[in-house]
Amino acid sequence: MTDLKILAVDDSPTMRRIIINTLKRAGYQDVGEATDGKDALAKLKVEDFNFVITDWNMPEMDGLSFVTTLRSMDEYKSLPVLMVTTRSVKDDIVEAMKAGVNNYIVKPFTPETLKDKIQQVLSE
């Protein structure tokens, strides 16, 4: 499981660093980063990532638009996506799941929560 190549997408450099450090502590060493959905799409075109962790609220292209775009492309229809966001309203979670997110974490989160959610997504 630790041979996953994960793309962390968040407009906050601090949040990306937290996610990356948490992933590394959980045994996931191969982690790339992107600043928003547009940047993430560009990185996905040149590198083979097999898991995406994305924020929702980002400039340029937000997480929901990013996931919707991913799901409309054949090569990314089954790419696992975990959304990590401050948006905790049930309607937002439902909207994200409808867009194609595999699972959802509300910030702040613990390293255990992140690891557990990744495992849940991978075992689906």
N, C-alpha and C. Protein backbone atom coordinates (compact mmCIF):
# COMPACT_ATOMS: atom_id res chain seq x y z
N MET A 1 0.81 -1.21 0.00
CA MET A 1 0.00 0.00 0.00
C MET A 1 0.85 1.27 0.00
N THR A 2 2.03 1.19 0.58
CA THR A 2 2.83 2.40 0.70
C THR A 2 3.53 2.78 -0.61
N ASP A 3 3.32 2.00 -1.67
CA ASP A 3 3.91 2.37 -2.95
C ASP A 3 2.99 3.29 -3.76
N LEU A 4 1.98 3.83 -3.10
CA LEU A 4 1.09 4.80 -3.74
C LEU A 4 1.85 6.06 -4.10
N LYS A 5 1.50 6.64 -5.24
CA LYS A 5 2.02 7.97 -5.59
C LYS A 5 0.84 8.92 -5.44
N ILE A 6 0.93 9.80 -4.44
CA ILE A 6 -0.20 10.66 -4.06
C ILE A 6 0.05 12.10 -4.48
N LEU A 7 -0.99 12.75 -5.00
CA LEU A 7 -0.93 14.17 -5.34
C LEU A 7 -1.75 14.94 -4.32
N ALA A 8 -1.09 15.85 -3.59
CA ALA A 8 -1.76 16.69 -2.59
C ALA A 8 -2.06 18.04 -3.23
N VAL A 9 -3.35 18.40 -3.30
CA VAL A 9 -3.79 19.62 -3.97
C VAL A 9 -4.41 20.58 -2.95
N ASP A 10 -3.74 21.70 -2.70
CA ASP A 10 -4.26 22.69 -1.75
C ASP A 10 -3.57 24.01 -2.05
N ASP A 11 -4.32 25.12 -1.99
CA ASP A 11 -3.72 26.42 -2.29
C ASP A 11 -2.87 26.93 -1.13
N SER A 12 -2.99 26.32 0.04
CA SER A 12 -2.20 26.75 1.19
C SER A 12 -0.92 25.92 1.30
N PRO A 13 0.25 26.59 1.16
CA PRO A 13 1.51 25.86 1.30
C PRO A 13 1.63 25.17 2.66
N THR A 14 1.10 25.81 3.70
CA THR A 14 1.14 25.22 5.04
C THR A 14 0.32 23.94 5.10
N MET A 15 -0.87 23.97 4.53
CA MET A 15 -1.73 22.78 4.54
C MET A 15 -1.11 21.67 3.71
N ARG A 16 -0.53 22.00 2.56
CA ARG A 16 0.14 20.97 1.74
C ARG A 16 1.26 20.32 2.55
N ARG A 17 2.02 21.14 3.25
CA ARG A 17 3.14 20.63 4.06
C ARG A 17 2.60 19.69 5.16
N ILE A 18 1.51 20.08 5.82
CA ILE A 18 0.91 19.24 6.87
C ILE A 18 0.47 17.89 6.27
N ILE A 19 -0.21 17.95 5.13
CA ILE A 19 -0.69 16.71 4.49
C ILE A 19 0.50 15.83 4.09
N ILE A 20 1.50 16.43 3.46
CA ILE A 20 2.66 15.67 3.01
C ILE A 20 3.40 15.04 4.19
N ASN A 21 3.62 15.83 5.25
CA ASN A 21 4.30 15.29 6.44
C ASN A 21 3.50 14.17 7.09
N THR A 22 2.18 14.34 7.14
CA THR A 22 1.31 13.31 7.71
C THR A 22 1.38 12.04 6.87
N LEU A 23 1.34 12.20 5.55
CA LEU A 23 1.42 11.04 4.65
C LEU A 23 2.75 10.31 4.83
N LYS A 24 3.83 11.06 4.93
CA LYS A 24 5.15 10.45 5.08
C LYS A 24 5.25 9.68 6.40
N ARG A 25 4.68 10.25 7.46
CA ARG A 25 4.67 9.54 8.75
C ARG A 25 3.84 8.26 8.66
N ALA A 26 2.83 8.28 7.79
CA ALA A 26 1.97 7.10 7.62
C ALA A 26 2.58 6.08 6.66
N GLY A 27 3.75 6.39 6.12
CA GLY A 27 4.44 5.45 5.25
C GLY A 27 4.33 5.73 3.77
N TYR A 28 3.66 6.81 3.40
CA TYR A 28 3.53 7.17 1.98
C TYR A 28 4.61 8.19 1.62
N GLN A 29 5.66 7.72 0.95
CA GLN A 29 6.82 8.57 0.69
C GLN A 29 6.74 9.33 -0.64
N ASP A 30 5.99 8.80 -1.58
CA ASP A 30 5.96 9.38 -2.93
C ASP A 30 4.77 10.34 -3.06
N VAL A 31 5.01 11.61 -2.73
CA VAL A 31 3.93 12.60 -2.70
C VAL A 31 4.31 13.82 -3.52
N GLY A 32 3.43 14.19 -4.44
CA GLY A 32 3.62 15.41 -5.22
C GLY A 32 2.64 16.46 -4.71
N GLU A 33 2.80 17.70 -5.19
CA GLU A 33 1.87 18.74 -4.74
C GLU A 33 1.47 19.65 -5.87
N ALA A 34 0.25 20.19 -5.73
CA ALA A 34 -0.29 21.14 -6.71
C ALA A 34 -1.03 22.23 -5.93
N THR A 35 -1.08 23.43 -6.52
CA THR A 35 -1.65 24.59 -5.82
C THR A 35 -3.15 24.79 -6.04
N ASP A 36 -3.72 24.15 -7.07
CA ASP A 36 -5.16 24.23 -7.34
C ASP A 36 -5.51 23.18 -8.39
N GLY A 37 -6.78 23.13 -8.76
CA GLY A 37 -7.22 22.12 -9.71
C GLY A 37 -6.53 22.19 -11.06
N LYS A 38 -6.31 23.39 -11.56
CA LYS A 38 -5.63 23.54 -12.86
C LYS A 38 -4.21 22.99 -12.80
N ASP A 39 -3.49 23.35 -11.74
CA ASP A 39 -2.12 22.87 -11.53
C ASP A 39 -2.13 21.34 -11.40
N ALA A 40 -3.11 20.82 -10.68
CA ALA A 40 -3.21 19.36 -10.49
C ALA A 40 -3.43 18.64 -11.81
N LEU A 41 -4.33 19.17 -12.65
CA LEU A 41 -4.58 18.55 -13.96
C LEU A 41 -3.31 18.53 -14.80
N ALA A 42 -2.56 19.62 -14.77
CA ALA A 42 -1.30 19.69 -15.52
C ALA A 42 -0.30 18.65 -15.01
N LYS A 43 -0.23 18.49 -13.69
CA LYS A 43 0.71 17.51 -13.10
C LYS A 43 0.28 16.07 -13.42
N LEU A 44 -1.03 15.82 -13.42
CA LEU A 44 -1.54 14.48 -13.73
C LEU A 44 -1.22 14.08 -15.17
N LYS A 45 -1.14 15.07 -16.05
CA LYS A 45 -0.85 14.78 -17.45
C LYS A 45 0.60 14.32 -17.66
N VAL A 46 1.50 14.78 -16.80
CA VAL A 46 2.93 14.44 -16.99
C VAL A 46 3.46 13.39 -16.01
N GLU A 47 2.72 13.14 -14.92
CA GLU A 47 3.15 12.14 -13.94
C GLU A 47 2.01 11.19 -13.64
N ASP A 48 2.35 9.95 -13.32
CA ASP A 48 1.33 8.95 -12.98
C ASP A 48 1.09 8.92 -11.48
N PHE A 49 0.06 9.62 -11.04
CA PHE A 49 -0.35 9.56 -9.64
C PHE A 49 -1.47 8.53 -9.54
N ASN A 50 -1.52 7.79 -8.43
CA ASN A 50 -2.62 6.85 -8.30
C ASN A 50 -3.52 7.13 -7.10
N PHE A 51 -3.42 8.36 -6.57
CA PHE A 51 -4.31 8.78 -5.49
C PHE A 51 -4.24 10.31 -5.42
N VAL A 52 -5.38 10.98 -5.20
CA VAL A 52 -5.41 12.44 -5.09
C VAL A 52 -6.08 12.84 -3.78
N ILE A 53 -5.45 13.78 -3.08
CA ILE A 53 -6.06 14.39 -1.90
C ILE A 53 -6.22 15.86 -2.26
N THR A 54 -7.46 16.35 -2.27
CA THR A 54 -7.68 17.73 -2.70
C THR A 54 -8.52 18.54 -1.71
N ASP A 55 -8.20 19.82 -1.65
CA ASP A 55 -8.99 20.78 -0.90
C ASP A 55 -10.19 21.16 -1.78
N TRP A 56 -11.18 21.79 -1.21
CA TRP A 56 -12.33 22.27 -1.98
C TRP A 56 -12.12 23.74 -2.35
N ASN A 57 -11.86 24.59 -1.35
CA ASN A 57 -11.77 26.03 -1.58
C ASN A 57 -10.39 26.44 -2.08
N MET A 58 -10.29 26.67 -3.39
CA MET A 58 -9.03 27.10 -4.00
C MET A 58 -9.34 28.10 -5.12
N PRO A 59 -8.42 29.03 -5.37
CA PRO A 59 -8.61 29.95 -6.50
C PRO A 59 -8.38 29.21 -7.82
N GLU A 60 -8.60 29.88 -8.91
CA GLU A 60 -8.34 29.34 -10.26
C GLU A 60 -9.30 28.20 -10.58
N MET A 61 -9.14 27.03 -9.95
CA MET A 61 -10.08 25.93 -10.13
C MET A 61 -10.25 25.25 -8.77
N ASP A 62 -11.48 25.31 -8.23
CA ASP A 62 -11.69 24.73 -6.91
C ASP A 62 -11.75 23.20 -6.97
N GLY A 63 -11.77 22.59 -5.80
CA GLY A 63 -11.74 21.14 -5.72
C GLY A 63 -12.92 20.45 -6.37
N LEU A 64 -14.10 21.03 -6.24
CA LEU A 64 -15.29 20.43 -6.84
C LEU A 64 -15.20 20.43 -8.37
N SER A 65 -14.79 21.56 -8.94
CA SER A 65 -14.61 21.65 -10.40
C SER A 65 -13.51 20.69 -10.86
N PHE A 66 -12.45 20.59 -10.07
CA PHE A 66 -11.34 19.69 -10.37
C PHE A 66 -11.83 18.24 -10.43
N VAL A 67 -12.57 17.82 -9.42
CA VAL A 67 -13.07 16.45 -9.37
C VAL A 67 -14.05 16.19 -10.52
N THR A 68 -14.94 17.14 -10.78
CA THR A 68 -15.89 17.00 -11.88
C THR A 68 -15.15 16.85 -13.21
N THR A 69 -14.11 17.66 -13.40
CA THR A 69 -13.30 17.57 -14.63
C THR A 69 -12.59 16.21 -14.71
N LEU A 70 -12.01 15.78 -13.60
CA LEU A 70 -11.33 14.47 -13.57
C LEU A 70 -12.29 13.35 -13.99
N ARG A 71 -13.47 13.36 -13.40
CA ARG A 71 -14.43 12.29 -13.65
C ARG A 71 -14.97 12.31 -15.07
N SER A 72 -14.82 13.42 -15.76
CA SER A 72 -15.29 13.50 -17.15
C SER A 72 -14.24 12.97 -18.13
N MET A 73 -13.03 12.68 -17.63
CA MET A 73 -11.94 12.20 -18.47
C MET A 73 -11.77 10.69 -18.23
N ASP A 74 -11.82 9.92 -19.32
CA ASP A 74 -11.77 8.46 -19.20
C ASP A 74 -10.59 7.96 -18.37
N GLU A 75 -9.42 8.55 -18.57
CA GLU A 75 -8.22 8.04 -17.88
C GLU A 75 -8.22 8.28 -16.37
N TYR A 76 -9.14 9.15 -15.89
CA TYR A 76 -9.17 9.45 -14.46
C TYR A 76 -10.49 9.08 -13.79
N LYS A 77 -11.36 8.38 -14.53
CA LYS A 77 -12.67 8.02 -13.97
C LYS A 77 -12.56 7.23 -12.67
N SER A 78 -11.54 6.37 -12.57
CA SER A 78 -11.42 5.52 -11.39
C SER A 78 -10.28 5.94 -10.45
N LEU A 79 -9.68 7.10 -10.70
CA LEU A 79 -8.61 7.59 -9.83
C LEU A 79 -9.19 7.92 -8.45
N PRO A 80 -8.68 7.31 -7.38
CA PRO A 80 -9.23 7.59 -6.05
C PRO A 80 -8.98 9.05 -5.63
N VAL A 81 -10.04 9.70 -5.15
CA VAL A 81 -9.94 11.10 -4.72
C VAL A 81 -10.51 11.23 -3.31
N LEU A 82 -9.69 11.82 -2.44
CA LEU A 82 -10.10 12.11 -1.07
C LEU A 82 -10.14 13.63 -0.92
N MET A 83 -11.28 14.16 -0.49
CA MET A 83 -11.38 15.61 -0.30
C MET A 83 -11.14 15.94 1.16
N VAL A 84 -10.24 16.89 1.39
CA VAL A 84 -9.93 17.36 2.75
C VAL A 84 -10.26 18.85 2.77
N THR A 85 -11.27 19.24 3.57
CA THR A 85 -11.74 20.61 3.51
C THR A 85 -12.34 21.07 4.83
N THR A 86 -12.52 22.36 4.98
CA THR A 86 -13.17 22.91 6.16
C THR A 86 -14.69 22.87 6.01
N ARG A 87 -15.17 22.55 4.81
CA ARG A 87 -16.62 22.55 4.57
C ARG A 87 -17.24 21.30 5.19
N SER A 88 -18.05 21.51 6.24
CA SER A 88 -18.59 20.37 6.97
C SER A 88 -20.11 20.24 6.88
N VAL A 89 -20.74 21.10 6.12
CA VAL A 89 -22.20 21.05 5.96
C VAL A 89 -22.55 19.78 5.17
N LYS A 90 -23.58 19.08 5.62
CA LYS A 90 -23.96 17.82 4.99
C LYS A 90 -24.21 17.98 3.48
N ASP A 91 -24.84 19.07 3.07
CA ASP A 91 -25.11 19.30 1.65
C ASP A 91 -23.82 19.37 0.84
N ASP A 92 -22.77 19.98 1.42
CA ASP A 92 -21.48 20.06 0.73
C ASP A 92 -20.88 18.67 0.55
N ILE A 93 -20.98 17.86 1.60
CA ILE A 93 -20.44 16.50 1.53
C ILE A 93 -21.17 15.70 0.46
N VAL A 94 -22.50 15.82 0.43
CA VAL A 94 -23.30 15.12 -0.58
C VAL A 94 -22.92 15.61 -1.98
N GLU A 95 -22.75 16.91 -2.14
CA GLU A 95 -22.38 17.47 -3.44
C GLU A 95 -21.01 16.94 -3.89
N ALA A 96 -20.07 16.87 -2.98
CA ALA A 96 -18.73 16.36 -3.30
C ALA A 96 -18.81 14.89 -3.71
N MET A 97 -19.59 14.10 -2.99
CA MET A 97 -19.72 12.68 -3.32
C MET A 97 -20.38 12.50 -4.69
N LYS A 98 -21.37 13.33 -4.98
CA LYS A 98 -22.03 13.26 -6.30
C LYS A 98 -21.06 13.63 -7.41
N ALA A 99 -20.13 14.54 -7.12
CA ALA A 99 -19.15 14.95 -8.13
C ALA A 99 -18.13 13.84 -8.41
N GLY A 100 -18.03 12.89 -7.47
CA GLY A 100 -17.13 11.77 -7.71
C GLY A 100 -16.02 11.59 -6.69
N VAL A 101 -16.10 12.31 -5.57
CA VAL A 101 -15.10 12.14 -4.51
C VAL A 101 -15.34 10.77 -3.87
N ASN A 102 -14.26 10.02 -3.59
CA ASN A 102 -14.40 8.71 -2.98
C ASN A 102 -14.64 8.78 -1.47
N ASN A 103 -14.08 9.81 -0.83
CA ASN A 103 -14.28 9.99 0.60
C ASN A 103 -13.99 11.43 0.96
N TYR A 104 -14.21 11.79 2.22
CA TYR A 104 -14.25 13.20 2.62
C TYR A 104 -13.74 13.33 4.05
N ILE A 105 -12.83 14.27 4.30
CA ILE A 105 -12.34 14.56 5.65
C ILE A 105 -12.53 16.04 5.91
N VAL A 106 -13.03 16.36 7.10
CA VAL A 106 -13.18 17.76 7.50
C VAL A 106 -11.96 18.18 8.31
N LYS A 107 -11.37 19.34 7.93
CA LYS A 107 -10.24 19.89 8.69
C LYS A 107 -10.74 20.48 10.00
N PRO A 108 -9.98 20.44 11.06
CA PRO A 108 -8.67 19.78 11.16
C PRO A 108 -8.86 18.27 11.32
N PHE A 109 -7.83 17.51 11.00
CA PHE A 109 -7.92 16.05 11.06
C PHE A 109 -6.67 15.50 11.74
N THR A 110 -6.76 14.27 12.17
CA THR A 110 -5.59 13.63 12.79
C THR A 110 -4.88 12.77 11.75
N PRO A 111 -3.61 12.46 11.97
CA PRO A 111 -2.90 11.56 11.05
C PRO A 111 -3.62 10.21 10.92
N GLU A 112 -4.20 9.73 12.03
CA GLU A 112 -4.92 8.45 11.99
C GLU A 112 -6.13 8.53 11.06
N THR A 113 -6.85 9.66 11.13
CA THR A 113 -8.02 9.83 10.27
C THR A 113 -7.61 9.80 8.80
N LEU A 114 -6.54 10.51 8.47
CA LEU A 114 -6.08 10.55 7.08
C LEU A 114 -5.69 9.15 6.61
N LYS A 115 -4.93 8.44 7.42
CA LYS A 115 -4.50 7.09 7.05
C LYS A 115 -5.70 6.16 6.90
N ASP A 116 -6.66 6.23 7.85
CA ASP A 116 -7.85 5.39 7.81
C ASP A 116 -8.69 5.65 6.56
N LYS A 117 -8.87 6.93 6.22
CA LYS A 117 -9.67 7.28 5.04
C LYS A 117 -9.00 6.78 3.76
N ILE A 118 -7.67 6.89 3.68
CA ILE A 118 -6.95 6.39 2.50
C ILE A 118 -7.18 4.88 2.38
N GLN A 119 -7.05 4.16 3.50
CA GLN A 119 -7.27 2.72 3.49
C GLN A 119 -8.70 2.38 3.08
N GLN A 120 -9.67 3.14 3.57
CA GLN A 120 -11.08 2.91 3.20
C GLN A 120 -11.28 3.05 1.70
N VAL A 121 -10.72 4.12 1.14
CA VAL A 121 -10.87 4.37 -0.29
C VAL A 121 -10.22 3.24 -1.11
N LEU A 122 -9.04 2.82 -0.68
CA LEU A 122 -8.31 1.78 -1.41
C LEU A 122 -9.00 0.41 -1.34
N SER A 123 -9.77 0.19 -0.28
CA SER A 123 -10.42 -1.12 -0.14
C SER A 123 -11.81 -1.15 -0.75
N GLU A 124 -12.27 -0.03 -1.32
CA GLU A 124 -13.61 0.01 -1.94
C GLU A 124 -13.64 -0.82 -3.21
